[in-house]
PDB file of all heavy atoms in Angstrom:
ATOM      1  N   THR A   1     214.782  54.317 104.723  1.00  0.00           N
ATOM      2  CA  THR A   1     214.033  53.491 105.675  1.00  0.00           C
ATOM      3  C   THR A   1     212.765  54.189 106.163  1.00  0.00           C
ATOM      4  O   THR A   1     211.795  53.513 106.487  1.00  0.00           O
ATOM      5  CB  THR A   1     214.931  53.145 106.876  1.00  0.00           C
ATOM      6  OG1 THR A   1     215.437  54.346 107.473  1.00  0.00           O
ATOM      7  CG2 THR A   1     216.077  52.262 106.452  1.00  0.00           C
ATOM      8  N   THR A   2     212.778  55.524 106.230  1.00  0.00           N
ATOM      9  CA  THR A   2     211.582  56.230 106.662  1.00  0.00           C
ATOM     10  C   THR A   2     210.455  56.053 105.654  1.00  0.00           C
ATOM     11  O   THR A   2     209.327  55.669 106.005  1.00  0.00           O
ATOM     12  CB  THR A   2     211.863  57.732 106.839  1.00  0.00           C
ATOM     13  OG1 THR A   2     212.804  57.918 107.908  1.00  0.00           O
ATOM     14  CG2 THR A   2     210.583  58.486 107.170  1.00  0.00           C
ATOM     15  N   ILE A   3     210.743  56.322 104.388  1.00  0.00           N
ATOM     16  CA  ILE A   3     209.722  56.194 103.354  1.00  0.00           C
ATOM     17  C   ILE A   3     209.276  54.738 103.205  1.00  0.00           C
ATOM     18  O   ILE A   3     208.082  54.447 103.070  1.00  0.00           O
ATOM     19  CB  ILE A   3     210.252  56.730 102.006  1.00  0.00           C
ATOM     20  CG1 ILE A   3     210.506  58.238 102.114  1.00  0.00           C
ATOM     21  CG2 ILE A   3     209.276  56.424 100.881  1.00  0.00           C
ATOM     22  CD1 ILE A   3     211.183  58.835 100.894  1.00  0.00           C
ATOM     23  N   GLY A   4     210.227  53.817 103.217  1.00  0.00           N
ATOM     24  CA  GLY A   4     209.876  52.405 103.096  1.00  0.00           C
ATOM     25  C   GLY A   4     209.033  51.909 104.242  1.00  0.00           C
ATOM     26  O   GLY A   4     208.040  51.188 104.050  1.00  0.00           O
ATOM     27  N   THR A   5     209.392  52.298 105.474  1.00  0.00           N
ATOM     28  CA  THR A   5     208.662  51.828 106.645  1.00  0.00           C
ATOM     29  C   THR A   5     207.269  52.437 106.727  1.00  0.00           C
ATOM     30  O   THR A   5     206.300  51.750 107.040  1.00  0.00           O
ATOM     31  CB  THR A   5     209.452  52.180 107.932  1.00  0.00           C
ATOM     32  OG1 THR A   5     210.771  51.629 107.836  1.00  0.00           O
ATOM     33  CG2 THR A   5     208.758  51.611 109.159  1.00  0.00           C
ATOM     34  N   VAL A   6     207.172  53.732 106.448  1.00  0.00           N
ATOM     35  CA  VAL A   6     205.855  54.384 106.476  1.00  0.00           C
ATOM     36  C   VAL A   6     204.944  53.802 105.419  1.00  0.00           C
ATOM     37  O   VAL A   6     203.757  53.567 105.648  1.00  0.00           O
ATOM     38  CB  VAL A   6     205.992  55.912 106.299  1.00  0.00           C
ATOM     39  CG1 VAL A   6     204.621  56.556 106.106  1.00  0.00           C
ATOM     40  CG2 VAL A   6     206.690  56.533 107.501  1.00  0.00           C
ATOM     41  N   SER A   7     205.473  53.514 104.242  1.00  0.00           N
ATOM     42  CA  SER A   7     204.686  52.929 103.156  1.00  0.00           C
ATOM     43  C   SER A   7     204.191  51.531 103.525  1.00  0.00           C
ATOM     44  O   SER A   7     203.051  51.172 103.261  1.00  0.00           O
ATOM     45  CB  SER A   7     205.510  52.866 101.873  1.00  0.00           C
ATOM     46  OG  SER A   7     205.867  54.150 101.438  1.00  0.00           O
ATOM     47  N   ALA A   8     205.079  50.724 104.128  1.00  0.00           N
ATOM     48  CA  ALA A   8     204.706  49.366 104.514  1.00  0.00           C
ATOM     49  C   ALA A   8     203.672  49.372 105.623  1.00  0.00           C
ATOM     50  O   ALA A   8     202.690  48.619 105.587  1.00  0.00           O
ATOM     51  CB  ALA A   8     205.939  48.593 104.958  1.00  0.00           C
ATOM     52  N   SER A   9     203.848  50.242 106.617  1.00  0.00           N
ATOM     53  CA  SER A   9     202.889  50.304 107.729  1.00  0.00           C
ATOM     54  C   SER A   9     201.544  50.864 107.260  1.00  0.00           C
ATOM     55  O   SER A   9     200.488  50.538 107.811  1.00  0.00           O
ATOM     56  CB  SER A   9     203.451  51.162 108.863  1.00  0.00           C
ATOM     57  OG  SER A   9     203.737  52.472 108.425  1.00  0.00           O
ATOM     58  N   GLU A  10     201.575  51.686 106.219  1.00  0.00           N
ATOM     59  CA  GLU A  10     200.328  52.253 105.686  1.00  0.00           C
ATOM     60  C   GLU A  10     199.391  51.173 105.172  1.00  0.00           C
ATOM     61  O   GLU A  10     198.162  51.297 105.266  1.00  0.00           O
ATOM     62  CB  GLU A  10     200.626  53.260 104.577  1.00  0.00           C
ATOM     63  CG  GLU A  10     199.398  53.981 104.065  1.00  0.00           C
ATOM     64  CD  GLU A  10     199.703  54.993 102.980  1.00  0.00           C
ATOM     65  OE1 GLU A  10     200.822  54.949 102.426  1.00  0.00           O
ATOM     66  OE2 GLU A  10     198.825  55.821 102.664  1.00  0.00           O
ATOM     67  N   PHE A  11     199.965  50.111 104.622  1.00  0.00           N
ATOM     68  CA  PHE A  11     199.121  49.024 104.109  1.00  0.00           C
ATOM     69  C   PHE A  11     198.300  48.423 105.245  1.00  0.00           C
ATOM     70  O   PHE A  11     197.088  48.208 105.106  1.00  0.00           O
ATOM     71  CB  PHE A  11     199.976  47.936 103.458  1.00  0.00           C
ATOM     72  CG  PHE A  11     199.232  46.651 103.225  1.00  0.00           C
ATOM     73  CD1 PHE A  11     198.226  46.568 102.279  1.00  0.00           C
ATOM     74  CD2 PHE A  11     199.517  45.520 103.984  1.00  0.00           C
ATOM     75  CE1 PHE A  11     197.527  45.401 102.066  1.00  0.00           C
ATOM     76  CE2 PHE A  11     198.838  44.338 103.775  1.00  0.00           C
ATOM     77  CZ  PHE A  11     197.837  44.273 102.824  1.00  0.00           C
ATOM     78  N   VAL A  12     198.933  48.150 106.385  1.00  0.00           N
ATOM     79  CA  VAL A  12     198.215  47.552 107.519  1.00  0.00           C
ATOM     80  C   VAL A  12     197.165  48.516 108.059  1.00  0.00           C
ATOM     81  O   VAL A  12     196.025  48.135 108.334  1.00  0.00           O
ATOM     82  CB  VAL A  12     199.204  47.151 108.633  1.00  0.00           C
ATOM     83  CG1 VAL A  12     198.453  46.540 109.812  1.00  0.00           C
ATOM     84  CG2 VAL A  12     200.254  46.202 108.108  1.00  0.00           C
ATOM     85  N   VAL A  13     197.556  49.794 108.228  1.00  0.00           N
ATOM     86  CA  VAL A  13     196.625  50.785 108.743  1.00  0.00           C
ATOM     87  C   VAL A  13     195.430  50.953 107.809  1.00  0.00           C
ATOM     88  O   VAL A  13     194.267  50.999 108.233  1.00  0.00           O
ATOM     89  CB  VAL A  13     197.335  52.137 108.945  1.00  0.00           C
ATOM     90  CG1 VAL A  13     196.344  53.218 109.375  1.00  0.00           C
ATOM     91  CG2 VAL A  13     198.437  52.009 109.996  1.00  0.00           C
ATOM     92  N   THR A  14     195.701  51.025 106.502  1.00  0.00           N
ATOM     93  CA  THR A  14     194.639  51.179 105.508  1.00  0.00           C
ATOM     94  C   THR A  14     193.711  49.972 105.533  1.00  0.00           C
ATOM     95  O   THR A  14     192.491  50.111 105.418  1.00  0.00           O
ATOM     96  CB  THR A  14     195.244  51.342 104.115  1.00  0.00           C
ATOM     97  OG1 THR A  14     196.074  52.502 104.072  1.00  0.00           O
ATOM     98  CG2 THR A  14     194.149  51.496 103.049  1.00  0.00           C
ATOM     99  N   LEU A  15     194.266  48.791 105.682  1.00  0.00           N
ATOM    100  CA  LEU A  15     193.465  47.573 105.726  1.00  0.00           C
ATOM    101  C   LEU A  15     192.546  47.577 106.950  1.00  0.00           C
ATOM    102  O   LEU A  15     191.355  47.244 106.841  1.00  0.00           O
ATOM    103  CB  LEU A  15     194.370  46.337 105.753  1.00  0.00           C
ATOM    104  CG  LEU A  15     193.677  44.977 105.738  1.00  0.00           C
ATOM    105  CD1 LEU A  15     192.858  44.805 104.461  1.00  0.00           C
ATOM    106  CD2 LEU A  15     194.718  43.859 105.857  1.00  0.00           C
ATOM    107  N   VAL A  16     193.063  47.975 108.102  1.00  0.00           N
ATOM    108  CA  VAL A  16     192.264  48.051 109.331  1.00  0.00           C
ATOM    109  C   VAL A  16     191.143  49.067 109.195  1.00  0.00           C
ATOM    110  O   VAL A  16     189.994  48.809 109.555  1.00  0.00           O
ATOM    111  CB  VAL A  16     193.162  48.408 110.541  1.00  0.00           C
ATOM    112  CG1 VAL A  16     192.306  48.714 111.771  1.00  0.00           C
ATOM    113  CG2 VAL A  16     194.119  47.274 110.855  1.00  0.00           C
ATOM    114  N   VAL A  17     191.466  50.229 108.642  1.00  0.00           N
ATOM    115  CA  VAL A  17     190.462  51.280 108.440  1.00  0.00           C
ATOM    116  C   VAL A  17     189.383  50.814 107.489  1.00  0.00           C
ATOM    117  O   VAL A  17     188.173  51.020 107.717  1.00  0.00           O
ATOM    118  CB  VAL A  17     191.117  52.568 107.917  1.00  0.00           C
ATOM    119  CG1 VAL A  17     190.048  53.593 107.511  1.00  0.00           C
ATOM    120  CG2 VAL A  17     192.037  53.175 108.974  1.00  0.00           C
ATOM    121  N   SER A  18     189.776  50.151 106.400  1.00  0.00           N
ATOM    122  CA  SER A  18     188.795  49.668 105.409  1.00  0.00           C
ATOM    123  C   SER A  18     187.882  48.621 106.017  1.00  0.00           C
ATOM    124  O   SER A  18     186.647  48.639 105.786  1.00  0.00           O
ATOM    125  CB  SER A  18     189.535  49.079 104.201  1.00  0.00           C
ATOM    126  OG  SER A  18     190.296  50.056 103.535  1.00  0.00           O
ATOM    127  N   ILE A  19     188.434  47.698 106.800  1.00  0.00           N
ATOM    128  CA  ILE A  19     187.613  46.670 107.455  1.00  0.00           C
ATOM    129  C   ILE A  19     186.625  47.308 108.430  1.00  0.00           C
ATOM    130  O   ILE A  19     185.463  46.909 108.502  1.00  0.00           O
ATOM    131  CB  ILE A  19     188.510  45.662 108.185  1.00  0.00           C
ATOM    132  CG1 ILE A  19     189.312  44.830 107.169  1.00  0.00           C
ATOM    133  CG2 ILE A  19     187.681  44.742 109.084  1.00  0.00           C
ATOM    134  CD1 ILE A  19     190.324  43.899 107.797  1.00  0.00           C
ATOM    135  N   THR A  20     187.092  48.340 109.153  1.00  0.00           N
ATOM    136  CA  THR A  20     186.220  49.050 110.082  1.00  0.00           C
ATOM    137  C   THR A  20     185.039  49.691 109.345  1.00  0.00           C
ATOM    138  O   THR A  20     183.900  49.614 109.782  1.00  0.00           O
ATOM    139  CB  THR A  20     186.990  50.126 110.852  1.00  0.00           C
ATOM    140  OG1 THR A  20     188.084  49.514 111.552  1.00  0.00           O
ATOM    141  CG2 THR A  20     186.090  50.820 111.879  1.00  0.00           C
ATOM    142  N   PHE A  21     185.328  50.319 108.214  1.00  0.00           N
ATOM    143  CA  PHE A  21     184.271  50.946 107.434  1.00  0.00           C
ATOM    144  C   PHE A  21     183.286  49.894 106.903  1.00  0.00           C
ATOM    145  O   PHE A  21     182.068  50.084 106.917  1.00  0.00           O
ATOM    146  CB  PHE A  21     184.855  51.729 106.263  1.00  0.00           C
ATOM    147  CG  PHE A  21     185.304  53.124 106.630  1.00  0.00           C
ATOM    148  CD1 PHE A  21     186.605  53.528 106.388  1.00  0.00           C
ATOM    149  CD2 PHE A  21     184.435  54.020 107.217  1.00  0.00           C
ATOM    150  CE1 PHE A  21     187.031  54.803 106.712  1.00  0.00           C
ATOM    151  CE2 PHE A  21     184.830  55.301 107.546  1.00  0.00           C
ATOM    152  CZ  PHE A  21     186.144  55.694 107.294  1.00  0.00           C
ATOM    153  N   ILE A  22     183.815  48.780 106.421  1.00  0.00           N
ATOM    154  CA  ILE A  22     182.952  47.730 105.866  1.00  0.00           C
ATOM    155  C   ILE A  22     182.029  47.154 106.934  1.00  0.00           C
ATOM    156  O   ILE A  22     180.853  46.881 106.681  1.00  0.00           O
ATOM    157  CB  ILE A  22     183.822  46.605 105.236  1.00  0.00           C
ATOM    158  CG1 ILE A  22     184.521  47.125 103.992  1.00  0.00           C
ATOM    159  CG2 ILE A  22     182.947  45.387 104.898  1.00  0.00           C
ATOM    160  CD1 ILE A  22     185.505  46.148 103.373  1.00  0.00           C
ATOM    161  N   LEU A  23     182.551  46.979 108.146  1.00  0.00           N
ATOM    162  CA  LEU A  23     181.746  46.420 109.233  1.00  0.00           C
ATOM    163  C   LEU A  23     180.721  47.396 109.768  1.00  0.00           C
ATOM    164  O   LEU A  23     179.701  46.998 110.342  1.00  0.00           O
ATOM    165  CB  LEU A  23     182.674  45.984 110.393  1.00  0.00           C
ATOM    166  CG  LEU A  23     183.607  44.800 110.089  1.00  0.00           C
ATOM    167  CD1 LEU A  23     184.504  44.526 111.290  1.00  0.00           C
ATOM    168  CD2 LEU A  23     182.811  43.551 109.743  1.00  0.00           C
ATOM    169  N   THR A  24     180.977  48.685 109.577  1.00  0.00           N
ATOM    170  CA  THR A  24     180.049  49.704 110.128  1.00  0.00           C
ATOM    171  C   THR A  24     179.076  50.262 109.088  1.00  0.00           C
ATOM    172  O   THR A  24     177.879  50.364 109.360  1.00  0.00           O
ATOM    173  CB  THR A  24     180.851  50.859 110.746  1.00  0.00           C
ATOM    174  OG1 THR A  24     181.806  51.352 109.775  1.00  0.00           O
ATOM    175  CG2 THR A  24     181.592  50.416 111.996  1.00  0.00           C
ATOM    176  N   ILE A  25     179.572  50.623 107.910  1.00  0.00           N
ATOM    177  CA  ILE A  25     178.673  51.207 106.915  1.00  0.00           C
ATOM    178  C   ILE A  25     178.650  50.433 105.605  1.00  0.00           C
ATOM    179  O   ILE A  25     177.903  50.761 104.699  1.00  0.00           O
ATOM    180  CB  ILE A  25     179.057  52.671 106.615  1.00  0.00           C
ATOM    181  CG1 ILE A  25     180.450  52.743 105.984  1.00  0.00           C
ATOM    182  CG2 ILE A  25     178.974  53.522 107.863  1.00  0.00           C
ATOM    183  CD1 ILE A  25     180.857  54.135 105.509  1.00  0.00           C
ATOM    184  N   GLY A  26     179.488  49.382 105.497  1.00  0.00           N
ATOM    185  CA  GLY A  26     179.555  48.639 104.263  1.00  0.00           C
ATOM    186  C   GLY A  26     180.375  49.380 103.213  1.00  0.00           C
ATOM    187  O   GLY A  26     180.994  50.400 103.489  1.00  0.00           O
ATOM    188  N   LEU A  27     180.347  48.886 102.008  1.00  0.00           N
ATOM    189  CA  LEU A  27     181.084  49.516 100.915  1.00  0.00           C
ATOM    190  C   LEU A  27     180.167  49.593  99.706  1.00  0.00           C
ATOM    191  O   LEU A  27     180.194  48.734  98.819  1.00  0.00           O
ATOM    192  CB  LEU A  27     182.350  48.712 100.582  1.00  0.00           C
ATOM    193  CG  LEU A  27     183.352  49.378  99.630  1.00  0.00           C
ATOM    194  CD1 LEU A  27     183.857  50.688 100.230  1.00  0.00           C
ATOM    195  CD2 LEU A  27     184.520  48.462  99.359  1.00  0.00           C
ATOM    196  N   ASP A  28     179.326  50.639  99.692  1.00  0.00           N
ATOM    197  CA  ASP A  28     178.304  50.774  98.658  1.00  0.00           C
ATOM    198  C   ASP A  28     178.787  51.543  97.435  1.00  0.00           C
ATOM    199  O   ASP A  28     178.177  51.484  96.381  1.00  0.00           O
ATOM    200  CB  ASP A  28     177.078  51.482  99.234  1.00  0.00           C
ATOM    201  CG  ASP A  28     176.439  50.675 100.359  1.00  0.00           C
ATOM    202  OD1 ASP A  28     176.502  49.429 100.306  1.00  0.00           O
ATOM    203  OD2 ASP A  28     175.903  51.287 101.297  1.00  0.00           O
ATOM    204  N   HIS A  29     179.878  52.283  97.584  1.00  0.00           N
ATOM    205  CA  HIS A  29     180.343  53.131  96.491  1.00  0.00           C
ATOM    206  C   HIS A  29     181.420  52.421  95.663  1.00  0.00           C
ATOM    207  O   HIS A  29     182.547  52.885  95.551  1.00  0.00           O
ATOM    208  CB  HIS A  29     180.845  54.458  97.049  1.00  0.00           C
ATOM    209  CG  HIS A  29     179.798  55.239  97.757  1.00  0.00           C
ATOM    210  ND1 HIS A  29     178.976  56.132  97.114  1.00  0.00           N
ATOM    211  CD2 HIS A  29     179.403  55.232  99.054  1.00  0.00           C
ATOM    212  CE1 HIS A  29     178.139  56.674  97.996  1.00  0.00           C
ATOM    213  NE2 HIS A  29     178.387  56.155  99.178  1.00  0.00           N
ATOM    214  N   LEU A  30     181.050  51.277  95.109  1.00  0.00           N
ATOM    215  CA  LEU A  30     182.013  50.479  94.343  1.00  0.00           C
ATOM    216  C   LEU A  30     182.481  51.219  93.113  1.00  0.00           C
ATOM    217  O   LEU A  30     183.632  51.053  92.687  1.00  0.00           O
ATOM    218  CB  LEU A  30     181.364  49.148  93.939  1.00  0.00           C
ATOM    219  CG  LEU A  30     182.282  48.117  93.281  1.00  0.00           C
ATOM    220  CD1 LEU A  30     183.411  47.740  94.220  1.00  0.00           C
ATOM    221  CD2 LEU A  30     181.490  46.881  92.880  1.00  0.00           C
ATOM    222  N   GLU A  31     181.641  52.051  92.540  1.00  0.00           N
ATOM    223  CA  GLU A  31     181.992  52.812  91.355  1.00  0.00           C
ATOM    224  C   GLU A  31     183.185  53.728  91.652  1.00  0.00           C
ATOM    225  O   GLU A  31     184.111  53.857  90.829  1.00  0.00           O
ATOM    226  CB  GLU A  31     180.802  53.636  90.876  1.00  0.00           C
ATOM    227  CG  GLU A  31     181.055  54.391  89.569  1.00  0.00           C
ATOM    228  CD  GLU A  31     179.820  55.133  89.090  1.00  0.00           C
ATOM    229  OE1 GLU A  31     178.930  55.401  89.932  1.00  0.00           O
ATOM    230  OE2 GLU A  31     179.743  55.431  87.905  1.00  0.00           O
TER     231      GLU A  31
END
């Protein structure tokens, strides 16, 4: 349950962080 829960919550955290970066600096390094 620890590994499963941390992995599942990581998706939400990663999504929030990515959106924050896109709104602030964009995503220019597509390569």
